[in-house]
Protein backbone atom coordinates (compact mmCIF):
# COMPACT_ATOMS: atom_id res chain seq x y z
CA MET A 1 0.00 0.00 0.00
CA GLU A 2 2.81 2.43 0.88
CA ASN A 3 4.44 1.91 -2.55
CA ARG A 4 1.12 2.64 -4.28
CA ILE A 5 0.73 5.90 -2.34
CA ILE A 6 4.27 6.97 -3.24
CA THR A 7 3.68 6.10 -6.90
CA ILE A 8 0.46 8.14 -7.00
CA LEU A 9 2.15 11.11 -5.31
CA ILE A 10 5.01 11.00 -7.82
CA GLU A 11 2.51 11.04 -10.70
CA LEU A 12 0.51 13.90 -9.15
CA VAL A 13 3.64 16.02 -8.73
CA ARG A 14 4.72 15.22 -12.29
CA ILE A 15 1.46 16.56 -13.78
CA ASN A 16 1.57 20.28 -14.55
CA SER A 17 -1.62 21.72 -13.06
CA VAL A 18 -0.74 25.41 -12.85
CA ASN A 19 -3.91 27.50 -12.72
CA ARG A 20 -4.08 29.38 -16.02
CA THR A 21 -6.00 32.28 -14.49
CA LEU A 22 -3.05 33.03 -12.15
CA SER A 23 -0.10 32.42 -14.49
CA LYS A 24 0.80 30.60 -17.68
CA GLY A 25 -0.24 27.02 -17.19
CA PRO A 26 -2.35 24.25 -18.66
CA GLY A 27 -5.04 24.22 -15.96
CA GLU A 28 -6.45 21.20 -14.19
CA ARG A 29 -7.70 19.03 -17.07
CA GLU A 30 -4.87 16.48 -17.06
CA ILE A 31 -4.68 16.09 -13.27
CA ALA A 32 -8.49 15.81 -13.06
CA LYS A 33 -8.43 12.98 -15.61
CA PHE A 34 -5.65 11.20 -13.71
CA ILE A 35 -7.45 11.45 -10.36
CA ALA A 36 -10.81 10.43 -11.85
CA GLN A 37 -9.27 7.37 -13.51
CA ASP A 38 -7.53 6.32 -10.30
CA LEU A 39 -10.78 6.65 -8.33
CA LYS A 40 -12.69 4.68 -10.98
CA THR A 41 -10.22 1.79 -10.62
CA ARG A 42 -11.19 1.78 -6.94
CA LYS A 43 -14.86 1.31 -7.95
CA LEU A 44 -16.01 4.81 -6.92
CA ASP A 45 -18.79 6.67 -8.70
CA VAL A 46 -16.81 9.50 -10.36
CA GLU A 47 -17.80 12.61 -12.30
CA ILE A 48 -15.63 15.33 -13.83
CA GLN A 49 -17.32 18.73 -13.84
CA SER A 50 -16.09 21.45 -16.21
CA VAL A 51 -16.26 24.82 -14.49
CA GLY A 52 -14.22 26.95 -16.88
CA ASP A 53 -11.50 26.96 -19.51
CA ASN A 54 -9.40 23.90 -18.57
CA GLN A 55 -10.80 24.04 -15.03
CA GLN A 56 -12.37 20.88 -13.66
CA ASN A 57 -13.73 19.47 -10.45
CA VAL A 58 -13.62 15.76 -9.64
CA VAL A 59 -16.56 14.48 -7.62
CA ALA A 60 -16.39 10.93 -6.25
CA ILE A 61 -18.96 9.19 -4.10
CA ILE A 62 -18.61 6.20 -1.83
CA SER A 63 -22.01 5.06 -0.67
CA GLY A 64 -22.16 4.07 2.96
CA ASN A 65 -24.81 2.62 5.18
CA ALA A 66 -25.21 5.49 7.67
CA HIS A 67 -28.04 7.59 6.26
CA ASP A 68 -27.71 10.35 8.84
CA ARG A 69 -24.00 11.17 8.34
CA SER A 70 -21.79 12.32 5.48
CA LEU A 71 -18.12 13.08 5.03
CA LEU A 72 -16.82 15.61 2.51
CA LEU A 73 -13.22 16.09 1.38
CA ASN A 74 -12.61 19.35 -0.43
CA ALA A 75 -9.19 19.89 -2.02
CA HIS A 76 -7.60 21.92 -4.81
CA LEU A 77 -6.49 20.33 -8.07
CA ASP A 78 -4.62 23.38 -9.32
CA THR A 79 -1.22 24.70 -8.34
CA VAL A 80 0.28 28.18 -8.53
CA GLY A 81 3.16 28.89 -10.88
CA VAL A 82 6.43 30.38 -9.70
CA GLU A 83 6.44 33.09 -12.34
CA GLY A 84 7.58 36.41 -10.84
CA MET A 85 8.70 34.97 -7.50
């Protein structure tokens, strides 16, 4: 399991996801596709939502059996470029 986590982290860092509204970058499309595919292999219900030019959200759902509780993880897919620093 630890090797799989390290492999995924290496791939995530390798993908250029610089927010194109903040500096020159490709946006989140490629990293969203990578994350969505990884979650699909884990049998999650996954949806990619387009919210702008090369800006995407990944929504994944794991159905549980507790109908009165939910857990939400909210994280950023984009990164900030180092231009001008």
